[in-house]
Amino acid sequence: VGRGDPSRLPRFDPARGRTASFELRGAEVSKLATDGFGTIFYSDGKNSTVGAGDPDSGRSTEVLLPRNGATTALAVDGAGRIWVGTSTGEIWAVFGGSARLTVGLPRPVTALSVDASGRVWYLAPLPAGAIGFGYAAADGAHAGQTVGGPAFSLSFSALGRAWLADPRGGFWVSRK
């Protein structure tokens, strides 16, 4: 981030050539995400909150998140919901000032990613005893897929294909 006041999060807008900052009231930012409107979303590990910084006003708003583990992933879907994945396998949807637990996995959430339709998907190791990783819609609307090896990131192409990076130097690609 930057130097100076640790309670402020700087934002640079290259299109306008302007720098702005958001007042975070002592938050400790652990993850960041943005949407197409320039809003910055953050997870505050110290206060167990999720917040949004308004690029026009420079103010932030926060919602209490009763999560159990540390935030491991953060994403914003096409409808403006904030999705939070944790080290204890929780996936939370935050919208309209409240948080709702949508998925409880017996393993940590590795990543969250938004597909071309605006839906959020999670990536997580398979349950104990199984080798590989799985990914599925965070809202439970689509069945999951698995890959037979390690993966540490999840992205989607405009055609809807999932791309998963393999830490051994390769990648996995879904058929659709």
N, C-alpha and C. Protein backbone atom coordinates (compact mmCIF):
# COMPACT_ATOMS: atom_id res chain seq x y z
N VAL A 1 0.86 -1.16 0.00
CA VAL A 1 0.00 0.00 0.00
C VAL A 1 0.90 1.21 0.00
N GLY A 2 0.97 2.01 0.90
CA GLY A 2 1.80 3.20 0.87
C GLY A 2 2.34 3.49 2.23
N ARG A 3 3.06 4.57 2.35
CA ARG A 3 3.59 4.98 3.64
C ARG A 3 2.70 6.04 4.23
N GLY A 4 2.88 6.28 5.50
CA GLY A 4 2.09 7.32 6.15
C GLY A 4 1.05 6.72 7.06
N ASP A 5 -0.14 7.27 7.05
CA ASP A 5 -1.22 6.87 7.95
C ASP A 5 -1.70 5.46 7.61
N PRO A 6 -1.49 4.47 8.51
CA PRO A 6 -1.90 3.10 8.21
C PRO A 6 -3.41 2.90 8.21
N SER A 7 -4.19 3.90 8.65
CA SER A 7 -5.64 3.75 8.65
C SER A 7 -6.26 4.25 7.35
N ARG A 8 -5.43 4.58 6.37
CA ARG A 8 -5.92 5.05 5.08
C ARG A 8 -5.41 4.12 3.97
N LEU A 9 -6.28 3.79 3.04
CA LEU A 9 -5.93 2.94 1.91
C LEU A 9 -5.89 3.82 0.66
N PRO A 10 -4.71 3.98 0.03
CA PRO A 10 -4.63 4.81 -1.16
C PRO A 10 -5.17 4.10 -2.40
N ARG A 11 -5.69 4.90 -3.33
CA ARG A 11 -6.20 4.38 -4.60
C ARG A 11 -5.74 5.31 -5.70
N PHE A 12 -5.12 4.75 -6.75
CA PHE A 12 -4.68 5.54 -7.90
C PHE A 12 -5.59 5.26 -9.08
N ASP A 13 -6.12 6.30 -9.69
CA ASP A 13 -6.98 6.21 -10.87
C ASP A 13 -6.16 6.67 -12.07
N PRO A 14 -5.61 5.74 -12.88
CA PRO A 14 -4.75 6.13 -14.00
C PRO A 14 -5.50 6.88 -15.10
N ALA A 15 -6.80 6.63 -15.26
CA ALA A 15 -7.56 7.31 -16.30
C ALA A 15 -7.68 8.81 -16.00
N ARG A 16 -7.83 9.15 -14.72
CA ARG A 16 -7.96 10.55 -14.33
C ARG A 16 -6.66 11.15 -13.82
N GLY A 17 -5.66 10.26 -13.60
CA GLY A 17 -4.39 10.73 -13.06
C GLY A 17 -4.50 11.24 -11.64
N ARG A 18 -5.44 10.67 -10.86
CA ARG A 18 -5.68 11.13 -9.50
C ARG A 18 -5.40 10.02 -8.48
N THR A 19 -5.00 10.45 -7.33
CA THR A 19 -4.84 9.55 -6.20
C THR A 19 -5.85 9.96 -5.14
N ALA A 20 -6.53 9.00 -4.59
CA ALA A 20 -7.48 9.24 -3.50
C ALA A 20 -7.19 8.23 -2.41
N SER A 21 -7.74 8.43 -1.25
CA SER A 21 -7.56 7.46 -0.18
C SER A 21 -8.87 7.27 0.57
N PHE A 22 -8.97 6.12 1.23
CA PHE A 22 -10.15 5.76 1.99
C PHE A 22 -9.80 5.67 3.45
N GLU A 23 -10.65 6.22 4.29
CA GLU A 23 -10.48 6.14 5.73
C GLU A 23 -10.92 4.76 6.20
N LEU A 24 -10.02 4.01 6.81
CA LEU A 24 -10.31 2.64 7.23
C LEU A 24 -10.49 2.50 8.74
N ARG A 25 -10.40 3.55 9.50
CA ARG A 25 -10.66 3.55 10.93
C ARG A 25 -9.92 2.42 11.68
N GLY A 26 -8.64 2.26 11.39
CA GLY A 26 -7.84 1.29 12.12
C GLY A 26 -7.91 -0.14 11.61
N ALA A 27 -8.51 -0.37 10.46
CA ALA A 27 -8.62 -1.73 9.90
C ALA A 27 -7.24 -2.26 9.52
N GLU A 28 -7.09 -3.56 9.57
CA GLU A 28 -5.90 -4.24 9.07
C GLU A 28 -6.32 -5.05 7.86
N VAL A 29 -6.03 -4.55 6.68
CA VAL A 29 -6.48 -5.14 5.42
C VAL A 29 -5.69 -6.42 5.13
N SER A 30 -6.42 -7.53 4.93
CA SER A 30 -5.76 -8.80 4.62
C SER A 30 -6.00 -9.21 3.16
N LYS A 31 -7.10 -8.80 2.55
CA LYS A 31 -7.39 -9.11 1.15
C LYS A 31 -8.10 -7.92 0.52
N LEU A 32 -7.88 -7.74 -0.79
CA LEU A 32 -8.53 -6.67 -1.56
C LEU A 32 -9.20 -7.25 -2.79
N ALA A 33 -10.27 -6.60 -3.24
CA ALA A 33 -10.94 -6.92 -4.50
C ALA A 33 -11.54 -5.63 -5.03
N THR A 34 -11.83 -5.58 -6.33
CA THR A 34 -12.45 -4.40 -6.92
C THR A 34 -13.60 -4.83 -7.82
N ASP A 35 -14.45 -3.87 -8.14
CA ASP A 35 -15.49 -4.12 -9.13
C ASP A 35 -15.26 -3.20 -10.33
N GLY A 36 -16.11 -3.27 -11.32
CA GLY A 36 -15.97 -2.48 -12.54
C GLY A 36 -16.24 -1.01 -12.36
N PHE A 37 -16.71 -0.59 -11.19
CA PHE A 37 -17.01 0.81 -10.94
C PHE A 37 -15.92 1.52 -10.15
N GLY A 38 -14.86 0.79 -9.82
CA GLY A 38 -13.76 1.39 -9.06
C GLY A 38 -13.90 1.28 -7.56
N THR A 39 -14.93 0.60 -7.08
CA THR A 39 -15.09 0.40 -5.65
C THR A 39 -14.04 -0.60 -5.18
N ILE A 40 -13.42 -0.31 -4.07
CA ILE A 40 -12.43 -1.21 -3.48
C ILE A 40 -13.09 -1.92 -2.30
N PHE A 41 -13.00 -3.23 -2.29
CA PHE A 41 -13.53 -4.05 -1.20
C PHE A 41 -12.35 -4.65 -0.45
N TYR A 42 -12.48 -4.77 0.87
CA TYR A 42 -11.38 -5.29 1.66
C TYR A 42 -11.90 -6.14 2.81
N SER A 43 -11.04 -7.02 3.27
CA SER A 43 -11.31 -7.82 4.45
C SER A 43 -10.39 -7.32 5.56
N ASP A 44 -10.96 -7.11 6.73
CA ASP A 44 -10.22 -6.64 7.89
C ASP A 44 -10.09 -7.80 8.87
N GLY A 45 -8.90 -8.39 8.92
CA GLY A 45 -8.68 -9.53 9.80
C GLY A 45 -8.69 -9.17 11.27
N LYS A 46 -8.31 -7.97 11.61
CA LYS A 46 -8.25 -7.55 13.02
C LYS A 46 -9.64 -7.41 13.62
N ASN A 47 -10.57 -6.82 12.89
CA ASN A 47 -11.90 -6.54 13.42
C ASN A 47 -12.99 -7.46 12.89
N SER A 48 -12.62 -8.49 12.11
CA SER A 48 -13.58 -9.44 11.53
C SER A 48 -14.70 -8.72 10.77
N THR A 49 -14.30 -7.83 9.88
CA THR A 49 -15.25 -7.10 9.05
C THR A 49 -14.86 -7.20 7.59
N VAL A 50 -15.83 -6.87 6.73
CA VAL A 50 -15.60 -6.71 5.30
C VAL A 50 -16.09 -5.32 4.97
N GLY A 51 -15.33 -4.60 4.15
CA GLY A 51 -15.70 -3.23 3.87
C GLY A 51 -15.63 -2.90 2.40
N ALA A 52 -16.20 -1.74 2.07
CA ALA A 52 -16.18 -1.21 0.72
C ALA A 52 -15.79 0.25 0.79
N GLY A 53 -14.89 0.65 -0.11
CA GLY A 53 -14.48 2.05 -0.19
C GLY A 53 -15.11 2.70 -1.40
N ASP A 54 -15.87 3.76 -1.20
CA ASP A 54 -16.53 4.49 -2.29
C ASP A 54 -15.52 5.42 -2.95
N PRO A 55 -15.25 5.25 -4.25
CA PRO A 55 -14.22 6.06 -4.91
C PRO A 55 -14.58 7.54 -5.01
N ASP A 56 -15.85 7.88 -4.98
CA ASP A 56 -16.25 9.28 -5.10
C ASP A 56 -16.19 10.02 -3.77
N SER A 57 -16.67 9.40 -2.69
CA SER A 57 -16.70 10.08 -1.39
C SER A 57 -15.43 9.87 -0.57
N GLY A 58 -14.68 8.80 -0.86
CA GLY A 58 -13.50 8.49 -0.06
C GLY A 58 -13.83 7.85 1.28
N ARG A 59 -15.09 7.49 1.48
CA ARG A 59 -15.51 6.88 2.74
C ARG A 59 -15.64 5.36 2.58
N SER A 60 -15.54 4.68 3.69
CA SER A 60 -15.71 3.22 3.66
C SER A 60 -16.88 2.84 4.56
N THR A 61 -17.51 1.72 4.21
CA THR A 61 -18.56 1.14 5.04
C THR A 61 -18.16 -0.29 5.34
N GLU A 62 -18.51 -0.77 6.52
CA GLU A 62 -18.10 -2.11 6.93
C GLU A 62 -19.28 -2.93 7.42
N VAL A 63 -19.15 -4.26 7.27
CA VAL A 63 -20.13 -5.22 7.76
C VAL A 63 -19.38 -6.23 8.62
N LEU A 64 -19.91 -6.53 9.79
CA LEU A 64 -19.32 -7.54 10.67
C LEU A 64 -19.45 -8.91 10.02
N LEU A 65 -18.37 -9.67 10.03
CA LEU A 65 -18.35 -11.00 9.43
C LEU A 65 -17.99 -12.01 10.52
N PRO A 66 -18.96 -12.81 10.98
CA PRO A 66 -18.71 -13.74 12.09
C PRO A 66 -17.96 -15.00 11.68
N ARG A 67 -16.91 -14.84 10.93
CA ARG A 67 -16.14 -15.97 10.40
C ARG A 67 -15.30 -16.60 11.50
N ASN A 68 -14.88 -17.85 11.26
CA ASN A 68 -14.04 -18.56 12.23
C ASN A 68 -12.56 -18.49 11.87
N GLY A 69 -12.22 -18.58 10.62
CA GLY A 69 -10.82 -18.60 10.21
C GLY A 69 -10.38 -17.27 9.62
N ALA A 70 -9.15 -17.24 9.18
CA ALA A 70 -8.60 -16.07 8.50
C ALA A 70 -9.14 -16.01 7.07
N THR A 71 -9.25 -14.81 6.54
CA THR A 71 -9.70 -14.65 5.16
C THR A 71 -8.59 -15.11 4.21
N THR A 72 -8.93 -16.03 3.31
CA THR A 72 -7.97 -16.53 2.33
C THR A 72 -8.29 -16.06 0.91
N ALA A 73 -9.53 -15.61 0.68
CA ALA A 73 -9.93 -15.20 -0.66
C ALA A 73 -11.07 -14.19 -0.57
N LEU A 74 -11.12 -13.28 -1.55
CA LEU A 74 -12.14 -12.24 -1.59
C LEU A 74 -12.48 -11.96 -3.05
N ALA A 75 -13.77 -11.86 -3.37
CA ALA A 75 -14.21 -11.56 -4.74
C ALA A 75 -15.54 -10.83 -4.68
N VAL A 76 -15.86 -10.13 -5.76
CA VAL A 76 -17.13 -9.42 -5.87
C VAL A 76 -17.83 -9.93 -7.12
N ASP A 77 -19.10 -10.36 -6.97
CA ASP A 77 -19.82 -10.91 -8.13
C ASP A 77 -20.49 -9.80 -8.95
N GLY A 78 -21.16 -10.19 -10.02
CA GLY A 78 -21.80 -9.25 -10.92
C GLY A 78 -22.94 -8.47 -10.31
N ALA A 79 -23.51 -8.95 -9.20
CA ALA A 79 -24.61 -8.26 -8.52
C ALA A 79 -24.12 -7.37 -7.38
N GLY A 80 -22.80 -7.32 -7.16
CA GLY A 80 -22.26 -6.49 -6.10
C GLY A 80 -22.12 -7.17 -4.75
N ARG A 81 -22.37 -8.48 -4.68
CA ARG A 81 -22.16 -9.22 -3.43
C ARG A 81 -20.66 -9.44 -3.23
N ILE A 82 -20.23 -9.32 -1.99
CA ILE A 82 -18.85 -9.61 -1.62
C ILE A 82 -18.81 -11.05 -1.16
N TRP A 83 -17.87 -11.82 -1.66
CA TRP A 83 -17.71 -13.23 -1.27
C TRP A 83 -16.38 -13.37 -0.55
N VAL A 84 -16.42 -14.06 0.58
CA VAL A 84 -15.25 -14.24 1.43
C VAL A 84 -15.02 -15.72 1.67
N GLY A 85 -13.81 -16.20 1.39
CA GLY A 85 -13.41 -17.57 1.69
C GLY A 85 -12.44 -17.55 2.86
N THR A 86 -12.49 -18.59 3.71
CA THR A 86 -11.65 -18.60 4.90
C THR A 86 -10.77 -19.84 5.00
N SER A 87 -9.84 -19.78 5.94
CA SER A 87 -8.93 -20.89 6.20
C SER A 87 -9.64 -22.08 6.84
N THR A 88 -10.85 -21.89 7.34
CA THR A 88 -11.62 -22.98 7.94
C THR A 88 -12.69 -23.51 6.99
N GLY A 89 -12.66 -23.10 5.71
CA GLY A 89 -13.57 -23.63 4.71
C GLY A 89 -14.91 -22.92 4.59
N GLU A 90 -15.07 -21.80 5.27
CA GLU A 90 -16.32 -21.06 5.17
C GLU A 90 -16.31 -20.18 3.92
N ILE A 91 -17.48 -20.07 3.29
CA ILE A 91 -17.67 -19.10 2.21
C ILE A 91 -18.88 -18.26 2.58
N TRP A 92 -18.66 -16.97 2.70
CA TRP A 92 -19.68 -16.02 3.12
C TRP A 92 -20.07 -15.12 1.95
N ALA A 93 -21.35 -14.81 1.84
CA ALA A 93 -21.85 -13.81 0.89
C ALA A 93 -22.28 -12.60 1.71
N VAL A 94 -21.76 -11.43 1.36
CA VAL A 94 -22.07 -10.21 2.09
C VAL A 94 -22.79 -9.27 1.14
N PHE A 95 -24.00 -8.84 1.53
CA PHE A 95 -24.81 -7.97 0.67
C PHE A 95 -25.85 -7.26 1.52
N GLY A 96 -26.08 -6.00 1.23
CA GLY A 96 -27.12 -5.26 1.93
C GLY A 96 -26.90 -5.12 3.42
N GLY A 97 -25.65 -5.07 3.85
CA GLY A 97 -25.37 -4.88 5.27
C GLY A 97 -25.39 -6.12 6.12
N SER A 98 -25.54 -7.31 5.51
CA SER A 98 -25.52 -8.54 6.30
C SER A 98 -24.68 -9.61 5.62
N ALA A 99 -24.26 -10.58 6.41
CA ALA A 99 -23.43 -11.69 5.92
C ALA A 99 -24.18 -12.99 6.09
N ARG A 100 -24.07 -13.87 5.07
CA ARG A 100 -24.75 -15.17 5.10
C ARG A 100 -23.74 -16.25 4.72
N LEU A 101 -23.65 -17.29 5.55
CA LEU A 101 -22.78 -18.42 5.26
C LEU A 101 -23.43 -19.24 4.15
N THR A 102 -22.72 -19.45 3.03
CA THR A 102 -23.29 -20.20 1.90
C THR A 102 -22.71 -21.59 1.76
N VAL A 103 -21.45 -21.78 2.13
CA VAL A 103 -20.79 -23.07 2.00
C VAL A 103 -19.90 -23.28 3.22
N GLY A 104 -19.87 -24.51 3.72
CA GLY A 104 -18.96 -24.88 4.79
C GLY A 104 -18.19 -26.12 4.36
N LEU A 105 -16.95 -25.95 4.00
CA LEU A 105 -16.10 -27.05 3.55
C LEU A 105 -15.25 -27.55 4.71
N PRO A 106 -14.84 -28.82 4.70
CA PRO A 106 -13.97 -29.31 5.76
C PRO A 106 -12.49 -29.05 5.46
N ARG A 107 -12.21 -28.04 4.63
CA ARG A 107 -10.85 -27.71 4.22
C ARG A 107 -10.80 -26.23 3.84
N PRO A 108 -9.62 -25.63 3.78
CA PRO A 108 -9.54 -24.20 3.50
C PRO A 108 -9.92 -23.85 2.05
N VAL A 109 -10.41 -22.65 1.87
CA VAL A 109 -10.70 -22.12 0.54
C VAL A 109 -9.40 -21.52 0.01
N THR A 110 -8.96 -21.99 -1.15
CA THR A 110 -7.71 -21.53 -1.74
C THR A 110 -7.91 -20.23 -2.52
N ALA A 111 -8.99 -20.14 -3.30
CA ALA A 111 -9.21 -18.96 -4.15
C ALA A 111 -10.70 -18.81 -4.45
N LEU A 112 -11.09 -17.59 -4.79
CA LEU A 112 -12.41 -17.28 -5.31
C LEU A 112 -12.20 -16.56 -6.64
N SER A 113 -13.06 -16.85 -7.61
CA SER A 113 -12.93 -16.24 -8.94
C SER A 113 -14.30 -16.00 -9.53
N VAL A 114 -14.42 -14.94 -10.31
CA VAL A 114 -15.68 -14.59 -10.96
C VAL A 114 -15.65 -15.05 -12.41
N ASP A 115 -16.71 -15.76 -12.85
CA ASP A 115 -16.77 -16.20 -14.25
C ASP A 115 -17.37 -15.09 -15.12
N ALA A 116 -17.48 -15.34 -16.41
CA ALA A 116 -17.95 -14.34 -17.37
C ALA A 116 -19.39 -13.89 -17.11
N SER A 117 -20.18 -14.72 -16.45
CA SER A 117 -21.57 -14.35 -16.14
C SER A 117 -21.70 -13.57 -14.84
N GLY A 118 -20.59 -13.43 -14.09
CA GLY A 118 -20.62 -12.70 -12.83
C GLY A 118 -20.78 -13.58 -11.60
N ARG A 119 -20.82 -14.89 -11.78
CA ARG A 119 -20.96 -15.84 -10.67
C ARG A 119 -19.58 -16.13 -10.06
N VAL A 120 -19.55 -16.29 -8.74
CA VAL A 120 -18.30 -16.58 -8.04
C VAL A 120 -18.14 -18.08 -7.83
N TRP A 121 -16.93 -18.57 -8.05
CA TRP A 121 -16.56 -19.97 -7.88
C TRP A 121 -15.43 -20.04 -6.86
N TYR A 122 -15.38 -21.17 -6.14
CA TYR A 122 -14.28 -21.37 -5.20
C TYR A 122 -13.38 -22.51 -5.65
N LEU A 123 -12.14 -22.47 -5.19
CA LEU A 123 -11.15 -23.52 -5.40
C LEU A 123 -10.71 -23.97 -4.02
N ALA A 124 -10.66 -25.31 -3.80
CA ALA A 124 -10.25 -25.85 -2.50
C ALA A 124 -9.66 -27.24 -2.70
N PRO A 125 -8.78 -27.66 -1.80
CA PRO A 125 -8.27 -29.03 -1.86
C PRO A 125 -9.42 -30.01 -1.69
N LEU A 126 -9.27 -31.19 -2.26
CA LEU A 126 -10.27 -32.24 -2.06
C LEU A 126 -10.20 -32.73 -0.61
N PRO A 127 -11.25 -33.38 -0.12
CA PRO A 127 -11.23 -33.87 1.27
C PRO A 127 -10.06 -34.80 1.55
N ALA A 128 -9.75 -34.95 2.83
CA ALA A 128 -8.65 -35.82 3.26
C ALA A 128 -8.79 -37.20 2.63
N GLY A 129 -7.67 -37.73 2.16
CA GLY A 129 -7.66 -39.05 1.53
C GLY A 129 -7.78 -38.98 0.02
N ALA A 130 -8.22 -37.87 -0.52
CA ALA A 130 -8.33 -37.70 -1.98
C ALA A 130 -7.19 -36.79 -2.45
N ILE A 131 -6.76 -37.03 -3.67
CA ILE A 131 -5.67 -36.23 -4.23
C ILE A 131 -6.26 -35.27 -5.26
N GLY A 132 -5.90 -34.00 -5.14
CA GLY A 132 -6.33 -33.01 -6.12
C GLY A 132 -7.10 -31.86 -5.49
N PHE A 133 -7.69 -31.07 -6.37
CA PHE A 133 -8.46 -29.90 -5.97
C PHE A 133 -9.80 -29.92 -6.67
N GLY A 134 -10.75 -29.20 -6.10
CA GLY A 134 -12.06 -29.09 -6.70
C GLY A 134 -12.47 -27.63 -6.78
N TYR A 135 -13.35 -27.34 -7.74
CA TYR A 135 -13.91 -26.00 -7.82
C TYR A 135 -15.40 -26.12 -8.12
N ALA A 136 -16.17 -25.18 -7.57
CA ALA A 136 -17.62 -25.19 -7.73
C ALA A 136 -18.14 -23.78 -7.48
N ALA A 137 -19.40 -23.55 -7.86
CA ALA A 137 -20.03 -22.26 -7.64
C ALA A 137 -20.19 -22.02 -6.14
N ALA A 138 -19.83 -20.83 -5.68
CA ALA A 138 -19.91 -20.50 -4.27
C ALA A 138 -21.34 -20.40 -3.76
N ASP A 139 -22.29 -20.23 -4.68
CA ASP A 139 -23.70 -20.15 -4.27
C ASP A 139 -24.39 -21.52 -4.34
N GLY A 140 -23.66 -22.57 -4.71
CA GLY A 140 -24.21 -23.92 -4.76
C GLY A 140 -25.06 -24.20 -5.99
N ALA A 141 -25.13 -23.26 -6.94
CA ALA A 141 -26.00 -23.41 -8.11
C ALA A 141 -25.45 -24.37 -9.17
N HIS A 142 -24.15 -24.61 -9.19
CA HIS A 142 -23.55 -25.49 -10.19
C HIS A 142 -22.68 -26.54 -9.51
N ALA A 143 -22.76 -27.76 -10.00
CA ALA A 143 -21.95 -28.85 -9.45
C ALA A 143 -20.47 -28.57 -9.67
N GLY A 144 -19.66 -29.14 -8.83
CA GLY A 144 -18.23 -28.92 -8.91
C GLY A 144 -17.52 -29.84 -9.89
N GLN A 145 -16.29 -29.49 -10.16
CA GLN A 145 -15.38 -30.26 -10.99
C GLN A 145 -14.11 -30.51 -10.18
N THR A 146 -13.36 -31.52 -10.54
CA THR A 146 -12.11 -31.80 -9.85
C THR A 146 -10.96 -31.91 -10.83
N VAL A 147 -9.75 -31.68 -10.32
CA VAL A 147 -8.53 -31.91 -11.07
C VAL A 147 -7.67 -32.84 -10.23
N GLY A 148 -6.90 -33.69 -10.87
CA GLY A 148 -6.16 -34.72 -10.18
C GLY A 148 -4.82 -34.32 -9.62
N GLY A 149 -4.57 -33.06 -9.48
CA GLY A 149 -3.29 -32.61 -8.94
C GLY A 149 -3.45 -31.29 -8.23
N PRO A 150 -2.32 -30.68 -7.88
CA PRO A 150 -2.39 -29.42 -7.15
C PRO A 150 -2.83 -28.25 -8.03
N ALA A 151 -3.43 -27.27 -7.42
CA ALA A 151 -3.83 -26.03 -8.09
C ALA A 151 -3.80 -24.91 -7.07
N PHE A 152 -3.42 -23.71 -7.50
CA PHE A 152 -3.41 -22.60 -6.55
C PHE A 152 -4.11 -21.35 -7.04
N SER A 153 -4.64 -21.38 -8.26
CA SER A 153 -5.44 -20.24 -8.72
C SER A 153 -6.54 -20.74 -9.65
N LEU A 154 -7.58 -19.93 -9.79
CA LEU A 154 -8.72 -20.26 -10.62
C LEU A 154 -9.12 -19.01 -11.37
N SER A 155 -9.21 -19.11 -12.70
CA SER A 155 -9.65 -18.00 -13.55
C SER A 155 -10.59 -18.56 -14.60
N PHE A 156 -11.40 -17.69 -15.20
CA PHE A 156 -12.33 -18.10 -16.24
C PHE A 156 -12.11 -17.29 -17.50
N SER A 157 -12.17 -17.96 -18.66
CA SER A 157 -12.08 -17.26 -19.93
C SER A 157 -13.45 -16.71 -20.30
N ALA A 158 -13.49 -15.86 -21.31
CA ALA A 158 -14.75 -15.30 -21.79
C ALA A 158 -15.66 -16.39 -22.35
N LEU A 159 -15.09 -17.52 -22.73
CA LEU A 159 -15.86 -18.65 -23.26
C LEU A 159 -16.39 -19.56 -22.15
N GLY A 160 -16.07 -19.25 -20.91
CA GLY A 160 -16.56 -20.03 -19.79
C GLY A 160 -15.67 -21.17 -19.35
N ARG A 161 -14.49 -21.28 -19.90
CA ARG A 161 -13.57 -22.33 -19.49
C ARG A 161 -12.83 -21.93 -18.22
N ALA A 162 -12.68 -22.90 -17.32
CA ALA A 162 -11.92 -22.68 -16.09
C ALA A 162 -10.45 -22.97 -16.36
N TRP A 163 -9.58 -22.11 -15.86
CA TRP A 163 -8.14 -22.27 -15.95
C TRP A 163 -7.59 -22.31 -14.52
N LEU A 164 -6.86 -23.38 -14.21
CA LEU A 164 -6.29 -23.55 -12.88
C LEU A 164 -4.79 -23.70 -13.00
N ALA A 165 -4.04 -22.88 -12.28
CA ALA A 165 -2.59 -22.95 -12.32
C ALA A 165 -2.09 -24.09 -11.44
N ASP A 166 -1.16 -24.87 -11.98
CA ASP A 166 -0.53 -25.97 -11.27
C ASP A 166 0.84 -25.47 -10.80
N PRO A 167 1.14 -25.54 -9.51
CA PRO A 167 2.41 -25.00 -9.02
C PRO A 167 3.64 -25.73 -9.55
N ARG A 168 3.43 -26.85 -10.22
CA ARG A 168 4.57 -27.58 -10.80
C ARG A 168 4.96 -27.01 -12.16
N GLY A 169 4.26 -25.96 -12.62
CA GLY A 169 4.64 -25.31 -13.87
C GLY A 169 3.64 -25.48 -15.00
N GLY A 170 2.56 -26.17 -14.80
CA GLY A 170 1.56 -26.37 -15.85
C GLY A 170 0.25 -25.71 -15.50
N PHE A 171 -0.82 -26.15 -16.16
CA PHE A 171 -2.13 -25.62 -15.85
C PHE A 171 -3.18 -26.64 -16.27
N TRP A 172 -4.37 -26.49 -15.72
CA TRP A 172 -5.52 -27.30 -16.02
C TRP A 172 -6.53 -26.43 -16.75
N VAL A 173 -7.22 -26.96 -17.76
CA VAL A 173 -8.25 -26.22 -18.48
C VAL A 173 -9.48 -27.11 -18.59
N SER A 174 -10.65 -26.54 -18.24
CA SER A 174 -11.89 -27.33 -18.36
C SER A 174 -12.34 -27.38 -19.81
N ARG A 175 -13.16 -28.36 -20.12
CA ARG A 175 -13.73 -28.45 -21.47
C ARG A 175 -14.77 -27.38 -21.68
N LYS A 176 -15.49 -27.01 -20.67
CA LYS A 176 -16.45 -25.91 -20.65
C LYS A 176 -17.05 -25.77 -19.31
